Protein backbone atom coordinates (compact mmCIF):
# COMPACT_ATOMS: atom_id res chain seq x y z
CA MET A 1 0.00 0.00 0.00
CA VAL A 2 1.21 3.45 -0.88
CA ASN A 3 -0.05 6.26 1.39
CA GLY A 4 -2.88 4.03 2.59
CA PHE A 5 -4.51 3.10 5.88
CA LEU A 6 -5.78 -0.07 7.48
CA ILE A 7 -9.01 0.66 9.35
CA HIS A 8 -10.56 -1.83 11.73
CA GLU A 9 -14.32 -1.42 11.41
CA GLY A 10 -15.18 -3.78 14.22
CA GLU A 11 -18.52 -5.58 13.94
CA THR A 12 -20.69 -2.57 13.18
CA ASP A 13 -23.13 -2.56 10.26
CA LEU A 14 -22.88 -6.33 9.80
CA GLU A 15 -26.67 -6.63 9.66
CA LEU A 16 -27.17 -4.09 6.85
CA PRO A 17 -28.59 -5.85 3.78
CA ASN A 18 -26.46 -3.85 1.38
CA GLY A 19 -23.71 -2.32 3.49
CA HIS A 20 -20.02 -2.31 2.70
CA PRO A 21 -18.57 -5.82 2.64
CA HIS A 22 -16.11 -6.73 5.36
CA THR A 23 -12.92 -8.33 4.12
CA CYS A 24 -10.40 -10.76 5.50
CA TYR A 25 -7.43 -12.27 3.69
CA VAL A 26 -6.89 -16.01 3.41
CA LYS A 27 -3.60 -17.60 2.39
CA LEU A 28 -4.07 -21.11 1.03
CA LYS A 29 -1.62 -23.98 1.42
CA PRO A 30 0.24 -24.86 -1.79
CA GLU A 31 -1.56 -28.20 -2.09
CA ALA A 32 -5.03 -26.76 -1.34
CA ASP A 33 -7.94 -27.20 -3.76
CA LYS A 34 -9.00 -23.63 -4.41
CA GLU A 35 -12.47 -24.54 -5.70
CA ALA A 36 -13.17 -26.74 -2.68
CA VAL A 37 -12.05 -24.04 -0.27
CA MET A 38 -14.21 -21.43 -2.03
CA LYS A 39 -17.23 -23.72 -1.77
CA ALA A 40 -16.54 -24.42 1.92
CA VAL A 41 -16.18 -20.73 2.73
CA GLY A 42 -19.61 -20.10 1.24
CA ASN A 43 -21.15 -22.49 3.76
CA VAL A 44 -19.56 -20.98 6.87
CA ASN A 45 -21.93 -20.11 9.73
CA LEU A 46 -21.14 -17.31 12.19
CA ASN A 47 -22.61 -17.90 15.66
CA GLY A 48 -25.43 -19.87 14.10
CA ILE A 49 -26.33 -17.04 11.71
CA GLU A 50 -25.78 -17.68 8.01
CA LYS A 51 -23.62 -15.05 6.37
CA ASP A 52 -22.86 -14.39 2.75
CA PHE A 53 -19.20 -15.37 2.65
CA ARG A 54 -17.23 -15.87 -0.54
CA LEU A 55 -13.61 -16.21 -1.54
CA SER A 56 -12.12 -14.42 -4.54
CA GLY A 57 -8.56 -14.06 -5.75
CA ILE A 58 -6.61 -10.82 -5.47
CA HIS A 59 -6.14 -9.41 -8.94
CA PRO A 60 -2.87 -7.86 -10.22
CA TYR A 61 -4.04 -4.43 -9.15
CA TRP A 62 -1.15 -2.37 -10.43
CA PHE A 63 -1.73 -3.19 -14.07
CA MET A 64 -5.45 -3.89 -13.97
CA ILE A 65 -7.82 -1.48 -15.71
CA ASP A 66 -9.90 -0.23 -12.81
CA LYS A 67 -13.44 -1.42 -13.40
CA ASP A 68 -14.05 -2.55 -9.86
CA LEU A 69 -16.77 -0.49 -8.22
CA PHE A 70 -15.08 -0.87 -4.85
CA ALA A 71 -11.80 0.64 -6.03
CA ARG A 72 -11.00 3.87 -4.22
CA LYS A 73 -8.45 5.19 -6.66
CA LYS A 74 -7.10 4.78 -10.15
CA THR A 75 -4.74 1.94 -10.76
CA GLY A 76 -1.03 2.62 -10.77
CA GLY A 77 -0.25 1.61 -14.32
CA ASN A 78 -1.50 0.60 -17.71
CA LYS A 79 0.06 -2.63 -18.97
CA LEU A 80 -0.81 -1.88 -22.60
CA MET A 81 0.83 1.55 -22.41
CA CYS A 82 3.93 0.00 -20.80
CA TYR A 83 4.13 -2.40 -23.74
CA ILE A 84 3.62 0.46 -26.20
CA LEU A 85 6.37 2.60 -24.64
CA LEU A 86 8.73 -0.36 -24.42
CA SER A 87 8.02 -1.12 -28.09
CA ILE A 88 8.73 2.51 -28.98
CA ALA A 89 12.09 2.30 -27.21
CA LEU A 90 13.04 -0.92 -29.00
CA LEU A 91 11.89 0.46 -32.36
CA PHE A 92 13.97 3.60 -31.88
CA LEU A 93 17.00 1.44 -31.17
CA ALA A 94 16.18 -0.61 -34.26
CA ILE A 95 15.95 2.51 -36.44
CA ALA A 96 19.24 3.82 -35.07
CA THR A 97 20.90 0.44 -35.68
CA PHE A 98 19.57 0.32 -39.24
CA ASN A 99 20.89 3.82 -39.90
CA TYR A 100 24.33 2.97 -38.55
CA ILE A 101 24.54 -0.19 -40.64
CA ASN A 102 23.32 1.70 -43.71
CA PHE A 103 25.92 4.44 -43.34
CA ALA A 104 28.68 1.94 -42.58
CA MET A 105 27.83 -0.22 -45.58
CA ALA A 106 27.41 2.73 -47.93
CA SER A 107 30.75 4.22 -46.87
CA ILE A 108 32.69 0.99 -47.50
CA PRO A 109 33.61 1.90 -51.11
CA PHE A 110 35.26 5.07 -49.80
CA ARG A 111 37.21 3.14 -47.10
CA ILE A 112 37.90 -0.11 -48.88
CA ARG A 113 41.26 0.93 -50.29
CA ASP A 114 42.53 2.04 -46.86
CA ILE A 115 41.37 -1.23 -45.26
CA ASN A 116 43.07 -3.41 -47.83
CA THR A 117 46.24 -1.32 -47.82
CA ARG A 118 46.50 -2.13 -44.11
CA LYS A 119 46.03 -5.80 -45.00
CA VAL A 120 48.95 -5.63 -47.42
CA PHE A 121 51.15 -4.14 -44.69
CA GLY A 122 50.39 -7.02 -42.33
CA ALA A 123 47.20 -6.08 -40.45
CA SER A 124 45.17 -9.21 -39.71
CA ARG A 125 41.46 -9.39 -40.38
CA ARG A 126 40.79 -9.73 -36.66
CA ILE A 127 42.53 -6.42 -35.96
CA LEU A 128 40.67 -4.66 -38.79
CA VAL A 129 37.34 -6.00 -37.52
CA MET A 130 38.18 -4.92 -33.95
CA ARG A 131 38.98 -1.39 -35.17
CA GLN A 132 35.53 -1.02 -36.70
CA LEU A 133 33.89 -2.69 -33.72
CA LEU A 134 35.60 -0.24 -31.34
CA ALA A 135 34.39 2.66 -33.48
CA ALA A 136 30.82 1.38 -33.18
CA ALA A 137 31.30 0.85 -29.44
CA GLY A 138 32.48 4.44 -29.03
CA ILE A 139 29.37 5.84 -30.72
CA VAL A 140 26.88 3.52 -28.99
CA GLY A 141 28.64 3.91 -25.63
CA ALA A 142 28.55 7.70 -25.88
CA ALA A 143 24.82 7.56 -26.66
CA PHE A 144 24.23 5.23 -23.69
CA VAL A 145 26.12 7.48 -21.26
CA PHE A 146 24.26 10.50 -22.60
CA GLY A 147 20.96 8.69 -22.05
CA VAL A 148 21.85 7.95 -18.41
CA LEU A 149 22.80 11.61 -17.88
CA VAL A 150 19.46 12.69 -19.36
CA MET A 151 17.68 10.35 -16.92
CA ARG A 152 19.52 11.94 -14.02
CA THR A 153 18.78 15.45 -15.27
CA LEU A 154 15.06 14.83 -15.76
CA ASP A 155 14.55 13.05 -12.44
CA GLY A 156 12.22 15.03 -10.22
CA THR A 157 11.22 17.55 -12.91
CA SER A 158 7.75 18.22 -14.33
CA TRP A 159 8.81 16.57 -17.59
CA ILE A 160 8.24 13.10 -16.12
CA THR A 161 4.99 13.59 -14.20
CA PHE A 162 3.52 10.67 -16.18
CA LEU A 163 5.88 8.28 -14.40
CA SER A 164 4.88 6.73 -11.10
CA GLY A 165 8.48 6.12 -10.07
CA SER A 166 11.85 7.83 -10.05
CA LEU A 167 14.17 8.28 -13.04
CA SER A 168 17.25 8.36 -10.84
CA PRO A 169 19.89 5.98 -12.27
CA ARG A 170 20.81 4.97 -8.71
CA LYS A 171 17.25 3.70 -8.16
CA ASN A 172 17.05 1.99 -11.53
CA ILE A 173 20.13 -0.21 -11.59
CA PRO A 174 18.30 -3.15 -13.26
CA VAL A 175 17.04 -0.80 -15.98
CA ILE A 176 20.53 0.60 -16.49
CA CYS A 177 21.91 -2.93 -16.77
CA LEU A 178 19.29 -3.84 -19.37
CA GLY A 179 20.19 -0.68 -21.25
CA GLY A 180 23.85 -1.61 -21.11
CA ALA A 181 23.04 -5.07 -22.46
CA ALA A 182 21.05 -3.50 -25.29
CA ALA A 183 23.96 -1.17 -26.05
CA LEU A 184 26.33 -4.15 -26.20
CA ALA A 185 24.00 -6.03 -28.56
CA ILE A 186 23.65 -2.98 -30.83
CA THR A 187 27.41 -2.55 -30.86
CA LEU A 188 27.95 -6.14 -31.97
CA ILE A 189 25.23 -6.02 -34.64
CA SER A 190 26.04 -2.62 -36.09
CA GLY A 191 29.80 -3.11 -35.84
CA LEU A 192 30.33 -6.70 -36.98
CA ILE A 193 28.09 -6.74 -40.09
CA PRO A 194 29.91 -3.96 -41.99
CA ALA A 195 33.26 -4.98 -40.49
CA PHE A 196 33.11 -8.56 -41.77
CA TYR A 197 31.81 -7.42 -45.15
CA SER A 198 34.46 -4.74 -45.65
CA THR A 199 37.30 -7.12 -44.77
CA SER A 200 36.07 -10.00 -46.95
CA PHE A 201 37.73 -8.88 -50.24
CA GLN A 202 41.11 -9.82 -51.69
CA PRO A 203 43.52 -6.87 -51.33
CA ALA A 204 44.91 -7.39 -54.84
CA LEU A 205 41.49 -6.96 -56.48
CA ILE A 206 40.78 -3.80 -54.52
CA LEU A 207 44.15 -2.15 -55.07
CA LYS A 208 44.06 -2.94 -58.80
CA GLY A 209 40.58 -1.44 -58.98
CA THR A 210 39.07 -4.52 -60.64
CA LEU A 211 36.28 -4.95 -58.06
CA PHE A 212 33.30 -2.65 -58.46
CA MET A 213 31.59 -1.79 -55.18
CA THR A 214 28.46 0.10 -56.08
CA VAL A 215 26.03 -2.79 -56.29
CA ARG A 216 27.12 -4.89 -53.29
CA GLY A 217 25.23 -3.90 -50.12
CA GLY A 218 22.52 -1.99 -51.95
CA GLY A 219 19.91 -4.62 -51.16
CA LEU A 220 20.62 -4.43 -47.42
CA ARG A 221 20.40 -0.64 -47.51
CA THR A 222 17.06 -0.81 -49.30
CA VAL A 223 15.63 -3.34 -46.84
CA THR A 224 16.69 -1.33 -43.79
CA LEU A 225 15.29 1.85 -45.34
CA VAL A 226 11.96 0.09 -45.94
CA LEU A 227 11.94 -0.98 -42.28
CA GLN A 228 12.54 2.62 -41.21
CA PHE A 229 9.57 3.74 -43.27
CA VAL A 230 7.48 0.94 -41.77
CA LEU A 231 8.28 2.11 -38.23
CA SER A 232 7.64 5.75 -39.13
CA PHE A 233 4.25 4.95 -40.66
CA ILE A 234 3.29 2.86 -37.62
CA PHE A 235 4.16 5.72 -35.26
CA ILE A 236 2.30 8.33 -37.30
CA ILE A 237 -0.85 6.24 -37.83
CA THR A 238 -1.08 5.19 -34.18
CA GLY A 239 -0.40 8.75 -33.02
CA LEU A 240 -3.20 10.18 -35.18
CA THR A 241 -5.58 7.41 -34.11
CA LEU A 242 -4.89 8.01 -30.42
CA ARG A 243 -5.41 11.73 -30.94
CA HIS A 244 -8.70 11.04 -32.72
CA GLN A 245 -10.00 8.81 -29.90
CA THR A 246 -8.87 11.21 -27.17
CA SER A 247 -10.49 14.16 -28.97
CA TYR A 248 -13.69 12.12 -29.29
CA MET A 249 -13.77 11.49 -25.54
CA VAL A 250 -12.76 14.98 -24.38
CA ASN A 251 -15.09 16.82 -26.77
CA ASN A 252 -18.03 14.42 -26.43
CA ASN A 253 -20.92 16.54 -25.17
CA LYS A 254 -23.43 13.67 -25.20
CA LEU A 255 -22.78 12.53 -21.65
CA GLY A 256 -26.44 12.19 -20.71
CA PHE A 257 -26.60 15.21 -18.41
CA ASP A 258 -26.39 18.99 -18.77
CA HIS A 259 -22.93 20.15 -17.70
CA ASP A 260 -22.93 23.53 -19.43
CA LEU A 261 -21.98 26.53 -17.24
CA VAL A 262 -21.89 24.44 -14.05
CA LEU A 263 -19.51 25.36 -11.23
CA VAL A 264 -18.54 22.84 -8.56
CA MET A 265 -17.61 23.89 -5.02
CA LYS A 266 -16.40 21.11 -2.72
CA SER A 267 -14.34 20.40 0.38
CA HIS A 268 -13.45 17.45 2.57
CA LEU A 269 -16.28 18.33 4.99
CA PHE A 270 -19.54 16.34 4.80
CA SER A 271 -22.44 18.33 6.23
CA SER A 272 -25.92 19.58 5.49
CA MET A 273 -25.60 22.10 2.69
CA SER A 274 -29.20 23.36 2.61
CA GLU A 275 -28.46 26.71 4.26
CA VAL A 276 -25.37 27.23 2.09
CA ALA A 277 -27.42 26.42 -1.02
CA ASP A 278 -30.15 28.89 -0.07
CA ARG A 279 -27.63 31.70 0.40
CA VAL A 280 -25.71 30.91 -2.83
CA ARG A 281 -28.98 30.74 -4.80
CA ASP A 282 -29.56 34.43 -4.01
CA ILE A 283 -26.25 35.55 -5.59
CA PRO A 284 -26.87 37.55 -8.81
CA GLY A 285 -26.03 35.47 -11.89
CA VAL A 286 -26.85 32.11 -10.23
CA VAL A 287 -29.58 30.15 -12.02
CA GLU A 288 -29.90 27.08 -9.78
CA VAL A 289 -28.05 25.16 -7.07
CA ALA A 290 -27.93 21.43 -6.30
CA ARG A 291 -26.45 19.55 -3.36
CA GLY A 292 -24.82 16.16 -3.42
CA GLU A 293 -21.92 14.65 -5.31
CA SER A 294 -20.56 15.70 -8.67
CA PRO A 295 -21.92 13.56 -11.53
CA ILE A 296 -18.35 13.07 -12.74
CA GLN A 297 -16.09 10.96 -10.56
CA GLU A 298 -12.69 9.45 -11.26
CA HIS A 299 -13.57 6.59 -8.95
CA THR A 300 -16.67 5.40 -7.15
CA SER A 301 -16.89 7.01 -3.74
CA SER A 302 -19.58 4.68 -2.32
CA ALA A 303 -20.45 1.18 -3.48
CA SER A 304 -22.39 -1.79 -2.27
CA GLU A 305 -23.79 -5.07 -3.55
CA LEU A 306 -26.86 -7.25 -3.69
CA ARG A 307 -27.13 -11.02 -4.07
CA VAL A 308 -29.81 -12.06 -6.52
CA ASN A 309 -30.22 -15.75 -7.36
CA ASP A 310 -26.66 -16.56 -6.23
CA GLU A 311 -25.32 -13.72 -8.37
CA VAL A 312 -23.58 -10.74 -6.76
CA ILE A 313 -24.65 -7.40 -8.26
CA ARG A 314 -22.34 -4.52 -7.45
CA TYR A 315 -23.55 -0.94 -7.70
CA SER A 316 -22.55 2.55 -6.67
CA TYR A 317 -24.82 4.78 -4.64
CA ARG A 318 -25.04 8.45 -3.77
CA CYS A 319 -27.04 10.69 -1.51
CA GLU A 320 -28.42 13.65 -3.45
CA SER A 321 -30.83 16.51 -2.84
CA PRO A 322 -34.32 16.45 -4.47
CA GLU A 323 -33.38 19.08 -7.07
CA TYR A 324 -30.30 17.16 -8.24
CA ALA A 325 -31.89 15.17 -11.10
CA ASP A 326 -33.74 18.19 -12.48
CA PHE A 327 -30.61 20.37 -12.12
CA PHE A 328 -28.64 18.12 -14.48
CA LYS A 329 -31.65 17.43 -16.74
CA LEU A 330 -31.43 13.69 -16.15
CA SER A 331 -33.95 11.80 -18.27
CA VAL A 332 -36.56 9.53 -16.67
CA VAL A 333 -37.52 6.41 -18.63
CA GLU A 334 -39.99 5.18 -16.01
CA GLY A 335 -41.65 6.77 -12.97
CA ARG A 336 -40.97 10.37 -11.92
CA LEU A 337 -38.40 12.77 -10.47
CA PRO A 338 -38.38 13.75 -6.77
CA LEU A 339 -40.59 16.58 -5.59
CA PRO A 340 -39.10 19.62 -3.80
CA GLY A 341 -38.33 18.76 -0.19
CA GLU A 342 -39.00 15.04 -0.71
CA SER A 343 -36.87 12.54 1.26
CA HIS A 344 -36.34 8.81 1.73
CA VAL A 345 -37.00 7.96 -1.90
CA ALA A 346 -34.60 6.59 -4.49
CA LEU A 347 -33.84 6.70 -8.20
CA ILE A 348 -32.11 3.88 -10.04
CA ASN A 349 -30.55 3.93 -13.49
CA GLU A 350 -31.25 1.63 -16.42
CA SER A 351 -28.16 -0.48 -15.79
CA PHE A 352 -29.28 -1.21 -12.23
CA HIS A 353 -32.79 -2.08 -13.38
CA GLU A 354 -31.41 -4.41 -16.07
CA ALA A 355 -29.04 -6.08 -13.59
CA VAL A 356 -31.77 -6.46 -10.92
CA PRO A 357 -35.17 -6.51 -12.69
CA SER A 358 -36.95 -7.24 -9.40
CA TYR A 359 -36.04 -3.74 -8.23
CA GLY A 360 -38.29 -1.28 -10.04
CA VAL A 361 -40.66 1.61 -9.42
CA GLY A 362 -42.63 1.01 -6.23
CA GLN A 363 -40.05 -1.33 -4.68
CA SER A 364 -37.79 -0.40 -1.75
CA ILE A 365 -34.02 -0.37 -1.38
CA SER A 366 -32.23 0.32 1.91
CA ASP A 367 -29.43 2.64 2.88
CA TYR A 368 -28.06 3.52 6.31
CA SER A 369 -31.19 5.50 7.19
CA GLY A 370 -33.57 2.67 6.31
CA PRO A 371 -35.80 1.71 3.36
CA ASN A 372 -36.25 4.08 0.42
CA GLN A 373 -39.03 3.72 -2.13
CA ILE A 374 -37.87 3.67 -5.76
CA ILE A 375 -39.84 6.36 -7.61
CA GLY A 376 -38.08 6.44 -10.99
CA VAL A 377 -35.65 4.83 -13.41
CA LEU A 378 -33.09 7.23 -14.93
CA LYS A 379 -31.60 6.93 -18.37
CA ASP A 380 -27.94 5.88 -18.16
CA PHE A 381 -25.40 8.71 -18.26
CA HIS A 382 -21.61 8.81 -18.29
CA ASN A 383 -20.33 9.48 -14.79
CA ARG A 384 -16.80 8.24 -15.55
CA SER A 385 -14.43 8.16 -18.48
CA LEU A 386 -15.78 6.78 -21.74
CA GLN A 387 -13.25 4.03 -21.20
CA TYR A 388 -15.81 2.40 -18.92
CA SER A 389 -19.28 1.09 -19.67
CA TYR A 390 -22.37 2.20 -17.75
CA GLN A 391 -22.52 0.94 -14.17
CA PRO A 392 -25.51 0.19 -11.93
CA MET A 393 -26.28 3.25 -9.80
CA VAL A 394 -28.71 4.18 -7.03
CA PHE A 395 -29.51 7.77 -5.97
CA PHE A 396 -30.88 8.07 -2.46
CA ILE A 397 -32.85 11.30 -2.29
CA ASN A 398 -32.85 13.17 1.00
CA ASP A 399 -33.52 16.86 1.47
CA LYS A 400 -31.34 16.81 4.59
CA CYS A 401 -28.49 14.75 3.09
CA ASN A 402 -24.94 15.50 4.06
CA ALA A 403 -22.74 16.39 1.13
CA SER A 404 -19.31 17.78 0.35
CA SER A 405 -20.18 19.40 -2.98
CA LEU A 406 -22.39 22.17 -4.22
CA MET A 407 -23.21 22.47 -7.94
CA ILE A 408 -23.95 25.99 -9.18
CA ARG A 409 -25.38 26.76 -12.62
CA VAL A 410 -24.60 30.32 -13.75
CA GLN A 411 -26.09 32.53 -16.41
CA PRO A 412 -24.18 33.04 -19.70
CA GLY A 413 -21.87 36.03 -19.33
CA ALA A 414 -22.18 36.08 -15.53
CA ASP A 415 -19.34 37.23 -13.30
CA VAL A 416 -17.99 33.77 -12.55
CA LYS A 417 -15.08 35.02 -10.46
CA GLY A 418 -17.39 37.12 -8.29
CA ILE A 419 -19.86 34.24 -7.87
CA LEU A 420 -17.07 31.90 -6.78
CA GLU A 421 -15.68 34.40 -4.29
CA LYS A 422 -19.09 35.01 -2.72
CA SER A 423 -19.99 31.31 -2.68
CA ARG A 424 -16.69 30.37 -1.08
CA LYS A 425 -17.14 33.04 1.56
CA ILE A 426 -20.67 31.83 2.40
CA TYR A 427 -19.48 28.21 2.61
CA SER A 428 -16.56 29.23 4.84
CA GLU A 429 -18.71 31.28 7.23
CA LEU A 430 -21.58 28.82 7.60
CA ARG A 431 -19.42 25.71 7.92
CA ASN A 432 -16.43 27.20 9.76
CA ILE A 433 -13.90 26.06 7.18
CA ASP A 434 -10.97 27.96 5.67
CA GLU A 435 -11.62 29.26 2.15
CA GLU A 436 -8.29 27.75 1.04
CA ASP A 437 -9.72 24.29 1.78
CA ILE A 438 -12.64 24.80 -0.61
CA GLU A 439 -12.06 23.66 -4.20
CA THR A 440 -13.89 25.48 -6.98
CA GLY A 441 -13.97 25.21 -10.74
CA PHE A 442 -16.06 24.40 -13.79
CA LEU A 443 -17.48 20.90 -14.10
CA ASP A 444 -16.11 20.77 -17.66
CA LYS A 445 -12.59 20.85 -16.19
CA ASP A 446 -13.38 17.75 -14.14
CA ILE A 447 -14.48 16.05 -17.34
CA GLU A 448 -11.17 16.92 -19.01
CA LYS A 449 -9.23 15.57 -16.01
CA LEU A 450 -10.75 12.15 -16.66
CA TYR A 451 -8.61 11.93 -19.79
CA GLU A 452 -5.31 13.33 -18.54
CA LYS A 453 -3.61 9.94 -18.92
CA GLU A 454 -4.98 9.41 -22.42
CA ILE A 455 -3.94 12.94 -23.45
CA LEU A 456 -0.43 12.33 -22.13
CA GLN A 457 -0.20 8.96 -23.86
CA THR A 458 -1.28 10.56 -27.14
CA SER A 459 1.32 13.30 -26.73
CA LEU A 460 4.04 10.70 -26.14
CA ILE A 461 3.08 8.77 -29.27
CA GLU A 462 2.92 11.96 -31.35
CA HIS A 463 6.36 13.09 -30.22
CA SER A 464 7.67 9.60 -30.88
CA SER A 465 6.14 9.72 -34.38
CA LEU A 466 7.88 13.00 -35.10
CA LEU A 467 11.20 11.75 -33.74
CA SER A 468 11.02 8.48 -35.67
CA LEU A 469 10.30 10.38 -38.88
CA ILE A 470 13.26 12.70 -38.26
CA ILE A 471 15.57 9.73 -37.68
CA ALA A 472 14.28 8.04 -40.83
CA LEU A 473 14.81 11.25 -42.83
CA ILE A 474 18.37 11.47 -41.53
CA GLY A 475 18.91 7.99 -42.91
CA ILE A 476 17.36 9.01 -46.23
CA LEU A 477 19.61 12.07 -46.45
CA GLY A 478 22.72 9.97 -45.97
CA LEU A 479 21.65 7.29 -48.43
CA VAL A 480 20.70 9.82 -51.12
CA TRP A 481 24.11 11.42 -50.74
CA PHE A 482 25.83 8.05 -51.09
CA ASP A 483 23.60 7.04 -54.01
CA THR A 484 24.30 10.23 -55.91
CA ARG A 485 28.03 9.72 -55.35
CA PHE A 486 27.74 6.23 -56.84
CA MET A 487 25.50 7.38 -59.69
CA ARG A 488 27.68 10.24 -60.92
CA LYS A 489 28.81 8.35 -64.02
CA GLU A 490 25.28 7.13 -64.81
CA VAL A 491 23.86 10.63 -64.36
CA ALA A 492 26.57 12.13 -66.55
CA ILE A 493 25.96 9.63 -69.37
CA ARG A 494 22.21 10.25 -69.24
CA LYS A 495 22.76 14.01 -69.42
CA VAL A 496 25.15 13.64 -72.36
CA ASN A 497 22.43 11.64 -74.11
CA GLY A 498 19.88 14.41 -73.61
CA ALA A 499 18.34 13.79 -70.17
CA SER A 500 17.29 16.94 -68.33
CA ALA A 501 17.72 17.71 -64.66
CA LYS A 502 14.01 17.02 -64.26
CA ASP A 503 14.47 13.54 -65.73
CA ILE A 504 17.38 12.84 -63.36
CA LEU A 505 15.40 13.98 -60.33
CA SER A 506 12.43 11.89 -61.42
CA MET A 507 14.65 8.81 -61.74
CA ILE A 508 16.13 9.25 -58.26
CA ASN A 509 12.78 10.12 -56.63
CA LYS A 510 11.08 7.11 -58.19
CA LYS A 511 13.24 4.75 -56.14
CA TYR A 512 12.32 6.38 -52.84
CA VAL A 513 8.65 6.67 -53.77
CA ILE A 514 8.57 2.91 -54.30
CA ILE A 515 10.44 2.30 -51.02
CA SER A 516 8.08 4.49 -49.01
CA ALA A 517 5.03 2.94 -50.70
CA VAL A 518 6.23 -0.56 -49.82
CA GLY A 519 6.82 0.61 -46.24
CA PHE A 520 3.27 1.96 -46.07
CA VAL A 521 1.74 -1.28 -47.40
CA ILE A 522 3.58 -3.26 -44.71
CA ALA A 523 2.93 -0.76 -41.91
CA ALA A 524 -0.80 -0.11 -42.47
CA PRO A 525 -2.15 -3.49 -41.26
CA ILE A 526 0.31 -3.58 -38.36
CA ALA A 527 -0.69 -0.08 -37.24
CA LEU A 528 -4.38 -0.95 -37.65
CA ALA A 529 -3.97 -3.98 -35.38
CA ILE A 530 -2.14 -1.91 -32.74
CA CYS A 531 -4.81 0.82 -32.83
CA ARG A 532 -7.65 -1.67 -32.54
CA ARG A 533 -5.94 -3.35 -29.61
CA TRP A 534 -5.45 -0.02 -27.83
CA MET A 535 -9.02 1.13 -28.48
CA SER A 536 -10.48 -2.17 -27.29
CA GLN A 537 -9.97 -1.01 -23.70
CA PHE A 538 -12.60 1.73 -24.21
CA ALA A 539 -16.26 0.81 -23.83
CA PHE A 540 -17.17 3.82 -25.98
CA ARG A 541 -14.89 4.50 -28.92
CA THR A 542 -14.89 6.06 -32.33
CA ASN A 543 -14.09 4.36 -35.60
CA ILE A 544 -10.61 4.49 -37.13
CA PRO A 545 -11.14 6.80 -40.13
CA VAL A 546 -9.54 6.19 -43.51
CA TRP A 547 -8.25 9.76 -43.68
CA ILE A 548 -5.64 8.94 -41.02
CA PHE A 549 -3.96 6.47 -43.37
CA VAL A 550 -4.29 8.81 -46.36
CA VAL A 551 -2.83 11.78 -44.47
CA SER A 552 0.03 9.66 -43.11
CA PHE A 553 0.95 8.38 -46.57
CA ILE A 554 0.74 11.78 -48.27
CA ALA A 555 2.66 13.58 -45.51
CA VAL A 556 5.55 11.10 -45.46
CA MET A 557 5.64 10.97 -49.25
CA LEU A 558 5.80 14.75 -49.62
CA ILE A 559 8.50 15.08 -46.98
CA THR A 560 10.52 12.27 -48.57
CA LEU A 561 10.25 13.76 -52.07
CA THR A 562 11.27 17.17 -50.74
CA ILE A 563 14.31 15.77 -48.93
CA VAL A 564 15.39 13.59 -51.85
CA THR A 565 14.93 16.40 -54.38
CA LEU A 566 16.91 18.92 -52.34
CA GLN A 567 19.69 16.41 -51.70
CA SER A 568 19.98 15.23 -55.32
CA TRP A 569 19.53 18.66 -56.97
CA ARG A 570 23.25 19.30 -57.06
CA ALA A 571 24.00 15.95 -58.69
CA ALA A 572 21.25 16.47 -61.29
CA ASN A 573 22.64 19.87 -62.27
CA ALA A 574 26.36 18.99 -62.15
CA ASN A 575 28.57 19.32 -65.27
CA PRO A 576 28.69 15.80 -66.85
CA VAL A 577 32.21 16.44 -68.18
CA ASN A 578 33.63 16.70 -64.66
CA ALA A 579 31.87 13.51 -63.56
CA LEU A 580 33.10 11.49 -66.56
CA LYS A 581 36.64 12.84 -66.16
CA ASN A 582 36.73 11.82 -62.47
CA GLU A 583 35.26 8.40 -63.20
């Protein structure tokens, strides 16, 4: 438990038909039959009185999506997002490795004579391979050390508020060790492949100039470039999809209740708010006031359960004032809304009525004050993030209910700041509480807070998309430069035979258009599967529009063509005489 308390409730409220369950923890022997124990626990008698006992396993709370009505807070982590971020890290390392191998392989023709000259003067292949491996180790090692320093610098800053733990290298030794192992693997892969290839030729052939190097290694460069495009497209498509889903949730105004121009004033103090509400209602610019709990909650504050035909039905409940349902324009599908001043009645929502059909209008359901007659069935509304489906809910209506929140609807154009100041002052005076301990703000802000994690996740993916594209473009820049160096003779001959600069640019661009198109064809179904998997955790979600794929393809294509054109412009306009003379 982090910042939690163990509270011994004693044996109070054990006789309530739908009170909070009392929990004990049972550790089974390794050889125990779990099913048999669970069945036996259900038959336990307490002092001759049958009790509703049951045994259930403790779930992996840290990574579990919080759909438990008894949960008091959000879970600590999201397993899917951990996998996504870990995948992003591995993909970035893959892109960087591909780029290094590409550059190393493409630069071999410019280093091959030096390598084989060293061979002639007695350098062994092992020494030549080690030289290139040490060069790779120096680059990868420098990047690793820089990454550790960045971790230390960012630790404790606002840049890492999305993390539940520390970024201090001292507290993350296992992570640092894994990073070191990854750096070693990258060094071996990116260093040995070009090293073995560059040292595989006979020195005599190289020094005589009888071995042509332009074709060898081109296939590997093309494959790695395609993989970079695949990763870039995956990042961009997933980033746009996450943004689309998050925007759908944040901007969804069809929540089932009227939250326009509603202020919420709340504190930690539970008390009768009727006098406070009457005084606030008289403030100029205030349309209506309701007492109770905010319709939007990050977690369920009060929950209970019923057993119906050996099935446990869990539901949340709230104590609200009679004007609450009308204040938020909640729709009634059966029965009626409470009358002014009415108490000891209840409203249930559609989900509760569907889960427990025997509880309907005219029936009674008990709370701590006794039985309450159900007078209406409310249409389901979203009281939590759209990630969750509707949940069974009961509203106990009591004109004298204790509450910690006051909902205030204001007129359009009203002096909101003045209304809040006056309301806070009234609350402070009547309830003897410091004004600093009273939270105030628009209800719409509470709705936005429900999606802080999703907004942050989307931002991370978008930044990753941009970074992956930049890394891929760096690779393209280098490869275009190498390709144009190799193609100088071909370009010169084409120009001598009448080809224009436009024709040369078209020829070079065609290659990269095909590469990026192949990357898109491979990436699209992979990205679609990732997006569908991520969106499956939301009970209410939007469709994945086609325009996301179209925009991703066009954007990457235009950027690629621009980069390739700018990089190859000089080669396309060079004097062919100089190129042929040098060749």
